[in-house]
Amino acid sequence: MDMLAVFQTRNDALRVSRFLREKGIACSIVSTPASLKMGCGLSIVASSSVKGAIDAAIAGIKATSFRGYFVRK
């Protein structure tokens, strides 16, 4: 199952995505669905199986604008 990691700033979304890719973790930057009504307009989409790696990336680069995870439909 895919999930979205939503951020308040584009910078944090891009930095976390780059960090994950450098670690060999598959992810993509996508537009945040308007229905969520939050964030900067960019989110990271990845398999829910890598949530722990995303959490580590968020903590590692101090991505303070992280807003939460949502299931991608």
N, C-alpha and C. Protein backbone atom coordinates (compact mmCIF):
# COMPACT_ATOMS: atom_id res chain seq x y z
N MET A 1 0.85 -1.18 0.00
CA MET A 1 0.00 0.00 0.00
C MET A 1 0.89 1.24 0.00
N ASP A 2 0.54 2.21 -0.84
CA ASP A 2 1.29 3.46 -0.89
C ASP A 2 0.73 4.45 0.11
N MET A 3 1.62 5.31 0.58
CA MET A 3 1.20 6.36 1.49
C MET A 3 1.86 7.66 1.08
N LEU A 4 1.25 8.76 1.49
CA LEU A 4 1.80 10.09 1.27
C LEU A 4 2.38 10.61 2.57
N ALA A 5 3.54 11.20 2.48
CA ALA A 5 4.12 11.93 3.60
C ALA A 5 3.98 13.41 3.21
N VAL A 6 3.22 14.16 3.99
CA VAL A 6 2.88 15.55 3.65
C VAL A 6 3.75 16.51 4.48
N PHE A 7 4.23 17.55 3.81
CA PHE A 7 5.10 18.54 4.44
C PHE A 7 4.53 19.94 4.24
N GLN A 8 4.85 20.82 5.16
CA GLN A 8 4.40 22.21 5.07
C GLN A 8 5.30 23.02 4.14
N THR A 9 6.57 22.59 3.98
CA THR A 9 7.47 23.33 3.09
C THR A 9 8.00 22.42 1.98
N ARG A 10 8.14 23.01 0.82
CA ARG A 10 8.68 22.28 -0.33
C ARG A 10 10.12 21.84 -0.05
N ASN A 11 10.86 22.69 0.62
CA ASN A 11 12.26 22.40 0.92
C ASN A 11 12.39 21.10 1.72
N ASP A 12 11.58 20.93 2.76
CA ASP A 12 11.65 19.70 3.55
C ASP A 12 11.24 18.48 2.72
N ALA A 13 10.21 18.61 1.91
CA ALA A 13 9.78 17.48 1.07
C ALA A 13 10.91 17.06 0.14
N LEU A 14 11.56 18.01 -0.48
CA LEU A 14 12.64 17.70 -1.41
C LEU A 14 13.86 17.14 -0.70
N ARG A 15 14.19 17.68 0.46
CA ARG A 15 15.36 17.19 1.22
C ARG A 15 15.15 15.76 1.70
N VAL A 16 13.96 15.46 2.22
CA VAL A 16 13.67 14.09 2.68
C VAL A 16 13.69 13.13 1.50
N SER A 17 13.11 13.52 0.38
CA SER A 17 13.12 12.68 -0.81
C SER A 17 14.55 12.38 -1.27
N ARG A 18 15.38 13.38 -1.31
CA ARG A 18 16.78 13.19 -1.72
C ARG A 18 17.50 12.26 -0.75
N PHE A 19 17.28 12.45 0.55
CA PHE A 19 17.89 11.60 1.57
C PHE A 19 17.49 10.14 1.36
N LEU A 20 16.21 9.91 1.12
CA LEU A 20 15.72 8.54 0.91
C LEU A 20 16.33 7.92 -0.34
N ARG A 21 16.36 8.67 -1.42
CA ARG A 21 16.94 8.15 -2.67
C ARG A 21 18.42 7.82 -2.51
N GLU A 22 19.14 8.64 -1.77
CA GLU A 22 20.56 8.38 -1.53
C GLU A 22 20.76 7.08 -0.74
N LYS A 23 19.75 6.71 0.04
CA LYS A 23 19.80 5.46 0.81
C LYS A 23 19.23 4.28 0.02
N GLY A 24 18.84 4.53 -1.23
CA GLY A 24 18.32 3.47 -2.08
C GLY A 24 16.86 3.13 -1.85
N ILE A 25 16.12 4.03 -1.23
CA ILE A 25 14.70 3.81 -0.94
C ILE A 25 13.85 4.44 -2.02
N ALA A 26 13.00 3.64 -2.64
CA ALA A 26 12.15 4.12 -3.72
C ALA A 26 11.07 5.06 -3.19
N CYS A 27 11.02 6.24 -3.78
CA CYS A 27 9.99 7.22 -3.43
C CYS A 27 9.88 8.21 -4.58
N SER A 28 8.80 8.96 -4.58
CA SER A 28 8.59 9.98 -5.61
C SER A 28 7.99 11.22 -4.97
N ILE A 29 8.24 12.35 -5.61
CA ILE A 29 7.58 13.60 -5.24
C ILE A 29 6.32 13.71 -6.09
N VAL A 30 5.20 13.98 -5.44
CA VAL A 30 3.92 14.13 -6.14
C VAL A 30 3.20 15.36 -5.60
N SER A 31 2.22 15.81 -6.36
CA SER A 31 1.38 16.90 -5.88
C SER A 31 0.49 16.38 -4.75
N THR A 32 0.40 17.14 -3.70
CA THR A 32 -0.49 16.78 -2.60
C THR A 32 -1.94 16.96 -3.06
N PRO A 33 -2.78 15.95 -2.87
CA PRO A 33 -4.18 16.10 -3.29
C PRO A 33 -4.85 17.30 -2.62
N ALA A 34 -5.56 18.07 -3.41
CA ALA A 34 -6.24 19.26 -2.87
C ALA A 34 -7.22 18.89 -1.77
N SER A 35 -7.74 17.68 -1.81
CA SER A 35 -8.71 17.26 -0.80
C SER A 35 -8.12 17.22 0.61
N LEU A 36 -6.79 17.14 0.72
CA LEU A 36 -6.16 17.13 2.05
C LEU A 36 -6.13 18.52 2.66
N LYS A 37 -6.15 19.54 1.82
CA LYS A 37 -6.17 20.93 2.29
C LYS A 37 -5.08 21.22 3.30
N MET A 38 -3.87 20.75 2.99
CA MET A 38 -2.74 21.02 3.87
C MET A 38 -1.45 20.90 3.09
N GLY A 39 -0.42 21.44 3.66
CA GLY A 39 0.90 21.28 3.08
C GLY A 39 1.25 22.33 2.05
N CYS A 40 2.41 22.11 1.44
CA CYS A 40 2.98 23.07 0.50
C CYS A 40 2.61 22.75 -0.93
N GLY A 41 1.94 21.64 -1.15
CA GLY A 41 1.60 21.23 -2.50
C GLY A 41 2.43 20.06 -3.00
N LEU A 42 3.49 19.72 -2.26
CA LEU A 42 4.32 18.57 -2.61
C LEU A 42 4.31 17.56 -1.47
N SER A 43 4.24 16.29 -1.83
CA SER A 43 4.32 15.21 -0.85
C SER A 43 5.25 14.14 -1.40
N ILE A 44 5.65 13.25 -0.51
CA ILE A 44 6.43 12.09 -0.92
C ILE A 44 5.50 10.90 -0.92
N VAL A 45 5.53 10.12 -1.99
CA VAL A 45 4.76 8.89 -2.04
C VAL A 45 5.75 7.73 -2.00
N ALA A 46 5.44 6.76 -1.15
CA ALA A 46 6.30 5.59 -0.99
C ALA A 46 5.46 4.45 -0.43
N SER A 47 6.02 3.27 -0.47
CA SER A 47 5.36 2.10 0.11
C SER A 47 5.28 2.27 1.62
N SER A 48 4.19 1.83 2.20
CA SER A 48 4.06 1.91 3.66
C SER A 48 5.11 1.06 4.37
N SER A 49 5.72 0.14 3.66
CA SER A 49 6.76 -0.72 4.26
C SER A 49 8.04 0.05 4.60
N VAL A 50 8.19 1.26 4.06
CA VAL A 50 9.41 2.05 4.34
C VAL A 50 9.13 3.21 5.29
N LYS A 51 8.01 3.16 6.00
CA LYS A 51 7.65 4.24 6.92
C LYS A 51 8.75 4.51 7.94
N GLY A 52 9.36 3.45 8.46
CA GLY A 52 10.44 3.63 9.44
C GLY A 52 11.61 4.40 8.86
N ALA A 53 11.94 4.14 7.60
CA ALA A 53 13.04 4.86 6.94
C ALA A 53 12.67 6.32 6.72
N ILE A 54 11.41 6.58 6.41
CA ILE A 54 10.97 7.97 6.24
C ILE A 54 11.03 8.69 7.57
N ASP A 55 10.57 8.03 8.63
CA ASP A 55 10.65 8.63 9.97
C ASP A 55 12.10 8.98 10.32
N ALA A 56 13.02 8.07 10.01
CA ALA A 56 14.45 8.30 10.30
C ALA A 56 14.98 9.47 9.48
N ALA A 57 14.56 9.57 8.21
CA ALA A 57 14.99 10.68 7.36
C ALA A 57 14.48 12.00 7.90
N ILE A 58 13.20 12.03 8.30
CA ILE A 58 12.60 13.25 8.85
C ILE A 58 13.37 13.71 10.09
N ALA A 59 13.67 12.76 10.97
CA ALA A 59 14.43 13.10 12.19
C ALA A 59 15.86 13.49 11.85
N GLY A 60 16.46 12.75 10.92
CA GLY A 60 17.86 12.99 10.58
C GLY A 60 18.14 14.35 10.00
N ILE A 61 17.22 14.85 9.18
CA ILE A 61 17.45 16.17 8.59
C ILE A 61 16.63 17.27 9.29
N LYS A 62 15.97 16.88 10.37
CA LYS A 62 15.17 17.83 11.17
C LYS A 62 14.11 18.53 10.31
N ALA A 63 13.32 17.73 9.62
CA ALA A 63 12.25 18.25 8.77
C ALA A 63 11.05 18.60 9.64
N THR A 64 11.08 19.79 10.21
CA THR A 64 10.06 20.20 11.18
C THR A 64 8.71 20.50 10.55
N SER A 65 8.65 20.55 9.23
CA SER A 65 7.37 20.88 8.59
C SER A 65 6.55 19.64 8.25
N PHE A 66 6.98 18.45 8.66
CA PHE A 66 6.23 17.22 8.40
C PHE A 66 4.87 17.32 9.05
N ARG A 67 3.81 16.99 8.28
CA ARG A 67 2.43 17.11 8.77
C ARG A 67 1.72 15.79 8.98
N GLY A 68 2.22 14.70 8.44
CA GLY A 68 1.59 13.41 8.68
C GLY A 68 1.58 12.52 7.47
N TYR A 69 1.10 11.28 7.71
CA TYR A 69 0.98 10.26 6.68
C TYR A 69 -0.48 10.08 6.31
N PHE A 70 -0.72 9.80 5.03
CA PHE A 70 -2.06 9.55 4.54
C PHE A 70 -2.00 8.42 3.53
N VAL A 71 -3.01 7.57 3.52
CA VAL A 71 -3.07 6.48 2.56
C VAL A 71 -3.38 7.07 1.19
N ARG A 72 -2.62 6.62 0.21
CA ARG A 72 -2.84 7.08 -1.16
C ARG A 72 -3.86 6.19 -1.84
N LYS A 73 -4.90 6.78 -2.37
CA LYS A 73 -5.98 6.03 -3.03
C LYS A 73 -5.82 6.08 -4.52
